[in-house]
Amino acid sequence: MEEDSVFFTDRSGRITSNPLLDQLPSYQSLLYRRKSSLTSTKRKGRLSSSGSLKYSVNTVNRLEERQKSQMEQRPIREFALPMAEKRRSKDQRLEKNQDLSSWTQWRQSTRRYLKRLRDDAQAFLSSMKLWRGDIHQIEGMFGTGILSYFSFLRFLVALNMIIFLLMFGFVMLPIIIVPYTSGNITYNQYDGSVCSIYPNTARKGLVIFHEHITDLLSGGGFLEQTYLFYGFYKVDKIHFPKGTYNLALAYLLATIGYLFLSLIWIVKRSATGFKRNLVQDEDRFQSFCNKIFTGWDFCITNENAAMLKRSSLLYELKTDLEEERIKQKIAGRTTKEKCRIYLLRVILNVFVVGVLAACFYSIYVATIFSQEAQMKSIKVNFIVDLIYEYLPSVVITMANFITPLLFSVIINYEDYSPAFEIRFTLMRCVFMRLTSIGVLLFSLWSQIMKCEEDPCVCGYNHKLYSCWETRVGQEMYKLSIFDFIIIVSVTIFVEFPR
């Protein structure tokens, strides 16, 4: 029986849709195969009509031979065949290999051994991934969408670890090994200008205990003269017995190196995710079939792993069905409903822009007030002084804590699909976090470049900011410390009891 006789056709022989047959996965698979075969047939017809039939036949033969050789090199366990067929194929391969020369047999065995060694190494590295079991449990409970978020967090941890190793190995370790007091050239040599003076902020004499806590939380005092801040790196070149190490060049190249590495790694990860999404979004029917018929992993033997895999598949199917329901709802909207929802989205987005502008203005005002209070050196008491120093960090953390909750409420009234809701909310939150740091840096820079005399003697306000790089680093340090304290507090006192 011909293949076209299976399909539902009209009087002219064209394939038409049938309400009953369209529900069968096998019928949809046949339609998909027929469409692919027709496309390849048309392509071959165009090749023959252009006079290049001989060339195309040779090309097809070469491709078939290459595919055949690749199929012969693949392990038998990867083929979807019955066990009897696999045993027969294995016996045929053994008989064929006996006729080969010893050199060819050695090459094939070496290739198989190296491939097995590579697979074992990949499996070992996969088992050594951070939080592998916990992330699989999250996937089983909440699906692959939430899994991708935690996988991205794990990627950021690994990226930060590599950045730390680069800076520690090329910048900090040479200074630790060879102290800069052993006759090396330094930047702190006084050349007669006010710009070469960097005052020591470490407290002298009898120091009150809470002042040590202030220095630890603010990055000033004794902590300012450590490897954390740029003002400590006074070494120009480190002289070893057999050479000279240019620390300034190492500092610059290490920074460029980890920025370039971050770019390459992020682009590679994004390209992998883009290809995966492109394959999944190519055919919705094919995605459903893959999850229903081939989504289960038959190598699972653990009961807990089986339950997690089952929960993950159920969650993905529910999400896909909800996506289809919302698509049908969107397709059935009237013109009046579309105008109403578009007007509502415009109003809500204007409101979101107003919220972001208010947050950015609050950060700017808090930063200016905090810097002016610190420059006046008016000491009130321990708590008030700490609040003055941490005011920008408090405002930024509060904005980053409140705005995601507000965005998650607003997105419910904009009537987007669930997948787009997650993406759009994440875009807003990431924009808020990144731009708030940009506003903080802009506020600091406006204070650094503000001088009593015009123009500035050193190009910036050296009187109040003798090392502006250290001042910027201290603000980033305080922001990191306060954000870490808030995260730990919320986890222990809110999430854990709940």
Protein backbone atom coordinates (compact mmCIF):
# COMPACT_ATOMS: atom_id res chain seq x y z
CA MET A 1 0.00 0.00 0.00
CA GLU A 2 1.30 3.45 -0.94
CA GLU A 3 2.06 5.96 1.78
CA ASP A 4 -0.38 8.57 0.45
CA SER A 5 -3.27 6.11 0.74
CA VAL A 6 -3.00 6.36 4.49
CA PHE A 7 -3.87 10.07 4.57
CA PHE A 8 -7.33 11.59 4.42
CA THR A 9 -7.73 13.20 0.98
CA ASP A 10 -10.45 15.03 -0.94
CA ARG A 11 -11.69 14.29 -4.46
CA SER A 12 -8.72 16.02 -6.10
CA GLY A 13 -6.25 13.93 -4.11
CA ARG A 14 -5.00 16.70 -1.81
CA ILE A 15 -4.50 15.93 1.86
CA THR A 16 -6.97 17.73 4.10
CA SER A 17 -7.44 17.91 7.85
CA ASN A 18 -9.70 15.48 9.66
CA PRO A 19 -10.97 16.20 13.20
CA LEU A 20 -10.55 12.57 14.26
CA LEU A 21 -7.25 11.72 12.61
CA ASP A 22 -5.64 15.00 13.68
CA GLN A 23 -5.79 13.83 17.30
CA LEU A 24 -3.68 10.72 16.61
CA PRO A 25 0.10 11.15 17.19
CA SER A 26 0.89 8.48 14.58
CA TYR A 27 -1.08 10.34 11.89
CA GLN A 28 0.72 13.61 12.74
CA SER A 29 4.06 11.79 12.58
CA LEU A 30 3.25 10.51 9.10
CA LEU A 31 2.34 14.02 7.99
CA TYR A 32 5.61 15.33 9.37
CA ARG A 33 7.61 12.61 7.59
CA ARG A 34 5.72 13.17 4.33
CA LYS A 35 6.48 16.90 4.47
CA SER A 36 10.19 16.19 4.96
CA SER A 37 10.26 13.62 2.11
CA LEU A 38 8.44 15.98 -0.26
CA THR A 39 10.94 18.72 0.54
CA SER A 40 13.87 16.42 -0.19
CA THR A 41 12.21 15.18 -3.41
CA LYS A 42 11.71 18.73 -4.65
CA ARG A 43 15.30 19.56 -3.84
CA LYS A 44 16.52 16.56 -5.84
CA GLY A 45 14.25 17.57 -8.74
CA ARG A 46 15.75 21.03 -8.80
CA LEU A 47 19.25 19.56 -8.84
CA SER A 48 18.46 17.26 -11.78
CA SER A 49 16.77 20.02 -13.77
CA SER A 50 19.82 22.30 -13.40
CA GLY A 51 22.10 19.82 -15.16
CA SER A 52 24.11 18.83 -12.07
CA LEU A 53 22.58 15.37 -11.57
CA LYS A 54 25.91 13.58 -11.76
CA TYR A 55 27.48 15.85 -9.21
CA SER A 56 24.52 15.51 -6.84
CA VAL A 57 24.56 11.71 -7.13
CA ASN A 58 28.26 11.63 -6.27
CA THR A 59 27.67 13.98 -3.35
CA VAL A 60 24.80 11.84 -2.09
CA ASN A 61 26.93 8.70 -2.40
CA ARG A 62 29.74 10.30 -0.43
CA LEU A 63 27.32 11.42 2.24
CA GLU A 64 25.81 7.94 2.44
CA GLU A 65 29.26 6.38 2.76
CA ARG A 66 30.20 8.85 5.47
CA GLN A 67 26.96 8.19 7.36
CA LYS A 68 27.49 4.46 6.98
CA SER A 69 31.00 4.69 8.39
CA GLN A 70 29.75 6.84 11.27
CA MET A 71 27.00 4.32 11.98
CA GLU A 72 29.55 1.51 12.05
CA GLN A 73 31.70 3.44 14.51
CA ARG A 74 28.83 4.16 16.89
CA PRO A 75 28.42 1.79 19.85
CA ILE A 76 25.75 -0.85 19.35
CA ARG A 77 24.06 0.06 22.64
CA GLU A 78 23.05 3.44 21.16
CA PHE A 79 20.83 1.86 18.46
CA ALA A 80 17.11 1.41 19.07
CA LEU A 81 17.10 -2.30 18.15
CA PRO A 82 15.98 -5.52 19.86
CA MET A 83 18.59 -7.40 21.83
CA ALA A 84 18.78 -10.17 19.21
CA GLU A 85 19.54 -7.63 16.48
CA LYS A 86 22.23 -6.02 18.64
CA ARG A 87 23.90 -9.42 19.21
CA ARG A 88 23.76 -10.15 15.48
CA SER A 89 25.30 -6.75 14.67
CA LYS A 90 28.04 -7.35 17.21
CA ASP A 91 28.90 -10.74 15.70
CA GLN A 92 28.99 -9.17 12.23
CA ARG A 93 31.37 -6.47 13.42
CA LEU A 94 33.64 -9.04 15.04
CA GLU A 95 33.76 -11.12 11.85
CA LYS A 96 34.48 -8.01 9.79
CA ASN A 97 37.25 -6.89 12.15
CA GLN A 98 39.01 -10.26 11.84
CA ASP A 99 39.68 -9.56 8.17
CA LEU A 100 41.37 -6.24 8.94
CA SER A 101 45.08 -5.76 9.48
CA SER A 102 46.55 -5.63 12.97
CA TRP A 103 47.31 -1.91 12.57
CA THR A 104 43.69 -1.11 11.67
CA GLN A 105 42.41 -3.25 14.55
CA TRP A 106 44.74 -1.44 16.94
CA ARG A 107 43.55 1.95 15.70
CA GLN A 108 39.90 1.00 16.11
CA SER A 109 40.43 -0.42 19.60
CA THR A 110 42.41 2.68 20.60
CA ARG A 111 39.65 4.93 19.26
CA ARG A 112 37.01 2.99 21.20
CA TYR A 113 39.12 3.10 24.36
CA LEU A 114 39.66 6.86 24.09
CA LYS A 115 35.96 7.45 23.46
CA ARG A 116 35.06 5.33 26.50
CA LEU A 117 37.65 7.20 28.55
CA ARG A 118 36.19 10.54 27.44
CA ASP A 119 32.65 9.42 28.32
CA ASP A 120 33.80 8.24 31.76
CA ALA A 121 35.58 11.57 32.33
CA GLN A 122 32.46 13.51 31.32
CA ALA A 123 30.33 11.39 33.64
CA PHE A 124 32.79 11.94 36.49
CA LEU A 125 32.85 15.70 35.92
CA SER A 126 29.05 15.75 35.77
CA SER A 127 28.86 13.94 39.11
CA MET A 128 31.26 16.50 40.65
CA LYS A 129 29.08 19.50 39.81
CA LEU A 130 28.06 21.73 42.69
CA TRP A 131 24.67 20.99 44.25
CA ARG A 132 23.88 18.37 41.59
CA GLY A 133 21.41 16.41 43.73
CA ASP A 134 19.66 19.51 45.08
CA ILE A 135 19.23 20.99 41.60
CA HIS A 136 17.76 17.69 40.32
CA GLN A 137 15.30 17.80 43.20
CA ILE A 138 14.34 21.37 42.28
CA GLU A 139 13.82 20.24 38.68
CA GLY A 140 11.47 17.48 39.82
CA MET A 141 9.40 19.84 41.94
CA PHE A 142 9.25 22.96 39.78
CA GLY A 143 10.26 21.98 36.23
CA THR A 144 13.08 22.97 33.90
CA GLY A 145 12.26 26.71 34.00
CA ILE A 146 13.20 27.03 37.67
CA LEU A 147 16.07 24.58 37.09
CA SER A 148 17.65 26.95 34.55
CA TYR A 149 17.61 29.76 37.14
CA PHE A 150 19.55 27.72 39.71
CA SER A 151 21.90 26.40 37.01
CA PHE A 152 22.67 30.02 36.14
CA LEU A 153 23.42 30.76 39.81
CA ARG A 154 25.83 27.80 39.88
CA PHE A 155 27.47 29.16 36.73
CA LEU A 156 27.94 32.56 38.42
CA VAL A 157 29.57 30.91 41.45
CA ALA A 158 32.04 29.07 39.19
CA LEU A 159 32.74 32.25 37.22
CA ASN A 160 33.45 34.25 40.39
CA MET A 161 35.75 31.50 41.63
CA ILE A 162 37.79 31.66 38.42
CA ILE A 163 37.96 35.47 38.66
CA PHE A 164 39.24 35.15 42.25
CA LEU A 165 41.91 32.64 41.19
CA LEU A 166 43.12 34.93 38.39
CA MET A 167 43.39 38.02 40.62
CA PHE A 168 44.89 36.09 43.52
CA GLY A 169 47.45 34.29 41.39
CA PHE A 170 48.67 37.23 39.31
CA VAL A 171 48.22 40.21 41.66
CA MET A 172 48.02 39.22 45.32
CA LEU A 173 50.33 36.21 45.41
CA PRO A 174 53.44 38.02 44.04
CA ILE A 175 53.09 40.72 46.73
CA ILE A 176 52.58 38.10 49.44
CA ILE A 177 55.66 36.18 48.33
CA VAL A 178 57.93 39.24 47.95
CA PRO A 179 57.06 42.14 50.31
CA TYR A 180 57.24 45.59 48.78
CA THR A 181 59.47 46.75 51.65
CA SER A 182 62.50 44.93 50.25
CA GLY A 183 63.80 47.80 48.13
CA ASN A 184 61.26 47.58 45.33
CA ILE A 185 60.07 50.72 43.53
CA THR A 186 56.79 51.99 44.98
CA TYR A 187 54.23 54.65 44.18
CA ASN A 188 54.22 56.18 47.64
CA GLN A 189 57.44 58.13 47.08
CA TYR A 190 56.79 61.80 47.74
CA ASP A 191 57.54 63.88 44.64
CA GLY A 192 56.66 67.29 46.09
CA SER A 193 53.06 67.48 44.78
CA VAL A 194 49.91 67.14 46.81
CA CYS A 195 48.65 64.45 44.41
CA SER A 196 51.35 62.00 45.59
CA ILE A 197 50.20 62.07 49.22
CA TYR A 198 48.05 59.16 50.38
CA PRO A 199 47.26 59.51 54.10
CA ASN A 200 47.09 56.48 56.33
CA THR A 201 43.58 56.07 57.72
CA ALA A 202 44.47 53.43 60.30
CA ARG A 203 43.54 54.44 63.85
CA LYS A 204 46.43 55.06 66.23
CA GLY A 205 46.73 54.70 69.95
CA LEU A 206 44.01 53.18 72.12
CA VAL A 207 41.12 52.18 69.87
CA ILE A 208 37.60 51.61 71.19
CA PHE A 209 36.14 48.19 70.39
CA HIS A 210 33.15 49.43 68.40
CA GLU A 211 35.53 51.40 66.13
CA HIS A 212 37.03 48.10 65.00
CA ILE A 213 33.52 46.93 64.14
CA THR A 214 32.93 50.15 62.20
CA ASP A 215 36.14 49.62 60.23
CA LEU A 216 35.21 46.01 59.53
CA LEU A 217 31.76 46.92 58.23
CA SER A 218 32.78 50.04 56.30
CA GLY A 219 36.12 48.95 54.85
CA GLY A 220 38.01 51.84 56.44
CA GLY A 221 40.72 52.04 59.07
CA PHE A 222 42.88 48.92 59.31
CA LEU A 223 40.84 47.18 56.58
CA GLU A 224 41.68 49.91 54.05
CA GLN A 225 45.36 48.92 54.21
CA THR A 226 44.71 45.35 53.00
CA TYR A 227 44.56 43.53 49.67
CA LEU A 228 40.85 44.35 49.34
CA PHE A 229 41.38 47.89 48.05
CA TYR A 230 43.37 49.48 45.27
CA GLY A 231 45.13 51.97 47.53
CA PHE A 232 47.14 49.16 49.12
CA TYR A 233 48.84 48.16 45.84
CA LYS A 234 51.81 50.55 45.93
CA VAL A 235 54.29 48.27 44.19
CA ASP A 236 55.43 49.19 40.70
CA LYS A 237 57.74 46.29 39.93
CA ILE A 238 58.80 43.26 41.93
CA HIS A 239 62.45 42.33 41.45
CA PHE A 240 63.11 38.60 41.49
CA PRO A 241 66.65 37.16 41.26
CA LYS A 242 66.16 36.22 37.59
CA GLY A 243 63.71 38.82 36.37
CA THR A 244 61.27 41.64 37.07
CA TYR A 245 57.53 41.28 37.56
CA ASN A 246 55.48 44.30 36.41
CA LEU A 247 52.59 44.33 38.85
CA ALA A 248 50.73 47.23 37.22
CA LEU A 249 50.70 45.39 33.88
CA ALA A 250 49.63 42.17 35.63
CA TYR A 251 46.77 44.02 37.34
CA LEU A 252 45.58 45.38 33.98
CA LEU A 253 45.98 42.11 32.04
CA ALA A 254 44.29 40.04 34.76
CA THR A 255 41.29 42.38 34.70
CA ILE A 256 41.09 42.25 30.88
CA GLY A 257 41.58 38.49 31.00
CA TYR A 258 38.70 37.70 33.33
CA LEU A 259 36.41 40.13 31.51
CA PHE A 260 37.22 38.44 28.20
CA LEU A 261 36.81 34.99 29.76
CA SER A 262 33.44 36.01 31.19
CA LEU A 263 32.32 37.25 27.77
CA ILE A 264 33.38 34.03 26.00
CA TRP A 265 31.79 31.80 28.64
CA ILE A 266 28.52 33.74 28.68
CA VAL A 267 28.31 33.75 24.85
CA LYS A 268 28.99 30.00 24.72
CA ARG A 269 26.36 29.29 27.36
CA SER A 270 23.83 31.56 25.62
CA ALA A 271 24.49 29.91 22.24
CA THR A 272 23.91 26.46 23.73
CA GLY A 273 20.63 27.57 25.28
CA PHE A 274 19.58 29.32 22.07
CA LYS A 275 20.12 26.17 19.99
CA ARG A 276 18.19 24.08 22.49
CA ASN A 277 15.27 26.53 22.51
CA LEU A 278 15.33 26.71 18.71
CA VAL A 279 14.96 22.95 18.46
CA GLN A 280 12.22 22.84 21.09
CA ASP A 281 10.20 25.72 19.58
CA GLU A 282 10.49 24.44 16.00
CA ASP A 283 7.50 22.12 16.25
CA ARG A 284 5.13 22.13 19.21
CA PHE A 285 3.72 18.73 18.25
CA GLN A 286 7.21 17.23 18.15
CA SER A 287 7.91 18.67 21.61
CA PHE A 288 4.80 16.99 23.00
CA CYS A 289 5.75 13.66 21.42
CA ASN A 290 9.28 13.85 22.78
CA LYS A 291 8.04 14.43 26.31
CA ILE A 292 5.33 11.76 26.21
CA PHE A 293 7.02 8.95 24.29
CA THR A 294 10.74 9.57 24.85
CA GLY A 295 10.85 11.76 27.94
CA TRP A 296 11.31 8.92 30.40
CA ASP A 297 14.81 7.76 31.32
CA PHE A 298 14.75 3.95 31.57
CA CYS A 299 18.17 3.91 33.23
CA ILE A 300 16.63 5.26 36.45
CA THR A 301 16.67 2.59 39.17
CA ASN A 302 16.31 4.73 42.29
CA GLU A 303 12.74 5.23 43.53
CA ASN A 304 13.36 8.80 44.62
CA ALA A 305 14.92 9.68 41.25
CA ALA A 306 11.95 8.10 39.47
CA MET A 307 9.51 10.21 41.49
CA LEU A 308 11.46 13.37 40.70
CA LYS A 309 11.55 12.54 36.98
CA ARG A 310 7.81 11.83 37.00
CA SER A 311 7.09 15.13 38.77
CA SER A 312 9.29 17.01 36.31
CA LEU A 313 7.51 15.55 33.26
CA LEU A 314 4.08 16.25 34.75
CA TYR A 315 5.02 19.84 35.54
CA GLU A 316 6.35 20.42 32.00
CA LEU A 317 3.21 18.95 30.43
CA LYS A 318 1.00 21.13 32.63
CA THR A 319 3.03 24.19 31.66
CA ASP A 320 2.80 23.37 27.95
CA LEU A 321 -0.97 22.82 28.17
CA GLU A 322 -1.37 26.12 29.99
CA GLU A 323 0.67 27.83 27.28
CA GLU A 324 -1.61 26.36 24.60
CA ARG A 325 -4.72 27.44 26.50
CA ILE A 326 -3.47 31.02 26.78
CA LYS A 327 -2.51 31.06 23.08
CA GLN A 328 -6.05 30.03 22.17
CA LYS A 329 -7.41 32.71 24.49
CA ILE A 330 -5.17 35.35 22.87
CA ALA A 331 -6.19 34.23 19.38
CA GLY A 332 -9.87 34.58 20.30
CA ARG A 333 -9.68 38.17 21.55
CA THR A 334 -11.89 40.77 19.97
CA THR A 335 -10.70 44.21 18.85
CA LYS A 336 -12.24 45.82 21.91
CA GLU A 337 -10.44 43.43 24.27
CA LYS A 338 -7.13 44.01 22.47
CA CYS A 339 -7.46 47.80 22.79
CA ARG A 340 -8.31 47.46 26.46
CA ILE A 341 -5.35 45.20 27.28
CA TYR A 342 -2.90 47.34 25.28
CA LEU A 343 -4.07 50.50 27.05
CA LEU A 344 -3.73 48.78 30.41
CA ARG A 345 -0.20 47.63 29.56
CA VAL A 346 0.84 51.15 28.56
CA ILE A 347 -0.50 52.57 31.85
CA LEU A 348 1.22 49.88 33.93
CA ASN A 349 4.53 50.32 32.11
CA VAL A 350 4.39 54.06 32.70
CA PHE A 351 3.83 53.30 36.37
CA VAL A 352 6.82 50.91 36.36
CA VAL A 353 9.01 53.61 34.78
CA GLY A 354 7.88 56.04 37.50
CA VAL A 355 8.78 53.52 40.22
CA LEU A 356 12.22 52.98 38.70
CA ALA A 357 12.81 56.74 38.41
CA ALA A 358 11.82 57.23 42.07
CA CYS A 359 14.20 54.47 43.16
CA PHE A 360 17.09 55.91 41.15
CA TYR A 361 16.50 59.40 42.50
CA SER A 362 16.40 58.05 46.07
CA ILE A 363 19.73 56.29 45.50
CA TYR A 364 21.27 59.49 44.16
CA VAL A 365 20.05 61.62 47.09
CA ALA A 366 21.10 59.00 49.67
CA THR A 367 24.59 58.73 48.16
CA ILE A 368 25.15 62.49 48.11
CA PHE A 369 23.90 62.84 51.70
CA SER A 370 26.07 59.94 52.90
CA GLN A 371 29.23 61.28 51.25
CA GLU A 372 28.71 64.78 52.61
CA ALA A 373 28.11 63.44 56.12
CA GLN A 374 31.28 61.34 55.98
CA MET A 375 33.39 64.22 54.62
CA LYS A 376 32.28 66.56 57.45
CA SER A 377 33.68 63.98 59.93
CA ILE A 378 30.97 64.80 62.48
CA LYS A 379 30.76 61.87 64.88
CA VAL A 380 27.42 61.46 66.64
CA ASN A 381 27.45 57.88 67.94
CA PHE A 382 28.23 54.40 66.69
CA ILE A 383 24.75 53.59 65.32
CA VAL A 384 24.14 56.94 63.60
CA ASP A 385 27.61 56.97 62.01
CA LEU A 386 27.04 53.44 60.69
CA ILE A 387 23.65 54.44 59.26
CA TYR A 388 25.25 57.41 57.47
CA GLU A 389 27.86 55.14 55.89
CA TYR A 390 25.38 52.42 54.94
CA LEU A 391 22.59 54.72 53.73
CA PRO A 392 23.19 54.11 49.96
CA SER A 393 23.43 50.36 50.53
CA VAL A 394 20.23 50.39 52.59
CA VAL A 395 18.32 52.30 49.90
CA ILE A 396 19.63 50.04 47.09
CA THR A 397 18.83 46.85 49.02
CA MET A 398 15.35 48.07 49.91
CA ALA A 399 14.70 49.00 46.28
CA ASN A 400 15.94 45.59 45.10
CA PHE A 401 13.71 43.91 47.70
CA ILE A 402 10.50 45.88 47.10
CA THR A 403 10.48 46.32 43.32
CA PRO A 404 10.44 42.56 42.44
CA LEU A 405 7.39 42.11 44.66
CA LEU A 406 5.73 45.08 42.99
CA PHE A 407 6.63 43.80 39.51
CA SER A 408 5.22 40.34 40.28
CA VAL A 409 1.89 41.95 41.23
CA ILE A 410 1.80 44.25 38.19
CA ILE A 411 2.58 41.46 35.71
CA ASN A 412 -0.62 39.63 36.72
CA TYR A 413 -2.74 42.43 35.23
CA GLU A 414 -0.83 42.63 31.93
CA ASP A 415 -2.20 39.27 30.71
CA TYR A 416 0.97 37.75 29.23
CA SER A 417 1.75 34.06 28.78
CA PRO A 418 3.40 32.35 31.81
CA ALA A 419 6.77 31.98 30.05
CA PHE A 420 6.82 35.63 28.97
CA GLU A 421 5.74 36.75 32.44
CA ILE A 422 8.84 35.12 33.93
CA ARG A 423 11.15 36.59 31.29
CA PHE A 424 9.66 40.08 31.51
CA THR A 425 9.76 40.14 35.31
CA LEU A 426 13.38 38.98 35.29
CA MET A 427 14.26 41.67 32.73
CA ARG A 428 12.76 44.36 34.94
CA CYS A 429 14.48 43.07 38.09
CA VAL A 430 17.88 42.72 36.39
CA PHE A 431 17.54 46.21 34.90
CA MET A 432 16.71 47.56 38.34
CA ARG A 433 19.74 45.91 39.98
CA LEU A 434 22.27 46.85 37.31
CA THR A 435 21.05 50.40 36.87
CA SER A 436 21.01 51.02 40.63
CA ILE A 437 24.73 50.22 40.74
CA GLY A 438 25.24 52.55 37.78
CA VAL A 439 23.40 55.36 39.60
CA LEU A 440 25.53 54.75 42.69
CA LEU A 441 28.74 55.03 40.64
CA PHE A 442 27.46 58.15 38.88
CA SER A 443 26.63 59.76 42.25
CA LEU A 444 30.07 58.93 43.63
CA TRP A 445 31.78 60.26 40.50
CA SER A 446 29.87 63.54 40.72
CA GLN A 447 31.20 63.98 44.25
CA ILE A 448 34.73 62.91 43.33
CA MET A 449 34.93 65.44 40.48
CA LYS A 450 33.45 68.25 42.61
CA CYS A 451 36.20 70.60 43.74
CA GLU A 452 36.17 73.88 45.68
CA GLU A 453 38.64 75.39 43.23
CA ASP A 454 38.14 75.24 39.48
CA PRO A 455 39.85 73.46 37.81
CA CYS A 456 40.86 70.65 40.18
CA VAL A 457 44.54 70.45 41.02
CA CYS A 458 44.83 66.68 40.51
CA GLY A 459 41.92 66.29 38.10
CA TYR A 460 39.61 65.33 40.96
CA ASN A 461 38.90 66.25 44.59
CA HIS A 462 42.14 64.93 46.06
CA LYS A 463 41.57 66.70 49.36
CA LEU A 464 38.53 64.60 50.23
CA TYR A 465 39.23 61.58 48.00
CA SER A 466 42.96 60.91 48.15
CA CYS A 467 42.38 57.54 46.43
CA TRP A 468 39.00 57.57 44.70
CA GLU A 469 39.39 53.92 43.56
CA THR A 470 39.47 52.84 47.20
CA ARG A 471 36.39 54.97 47.95
CA VAL A 472 34.44 53.29 45.14
CA GLY A 473 35.64 49.89 46.33
CA GLN A 474 34.48 50.65 49.87
CA GLU A 475 30.98 51.48 48.63
CA MET A 476 30.85 48.20 46.69
CA TYR A 477 32.16 46.40 49.78
CA LYS A 478 29.44 47.90 52.00
CA LEU A 479 26.78 47.04 49.44
CA SER A 480 27.96 43.42 49.31
CA ILE A 481 28.11 43.13 53.11
CA PHE A 482 24.64 44.59 53.65
CA ASP A 483 23.09 42.55 50.85
CA PHE A 484 24.62 39.38 52.31
CA ILE A 485 23.27 40.21 55.79
CA ILE A 486 19.76 40.78 54.38
CA ILE A 487 19.81 37.50 52.41
CA VAL A 488 20.97 35.48 55.43
CA SER A 489 18.41 37.17 57.69
CA VAL A 490 15.51 36.54 55.31
CA THR A 491 16.56 32.91 54.83
CA ILE A 492 16.85 32.20 58.56
CA PHE A 493 14.04 34.28 60.01
CA VAL A 494 11.48 34.24 57.16
CA GLU A 495 11.97 31.38 54.72
CA PHE A 496 13.02 28.70 57.21
CA PRO A 497 10.03 29.15 59.61
CA ARG A 498 7.65 29.42 56.64
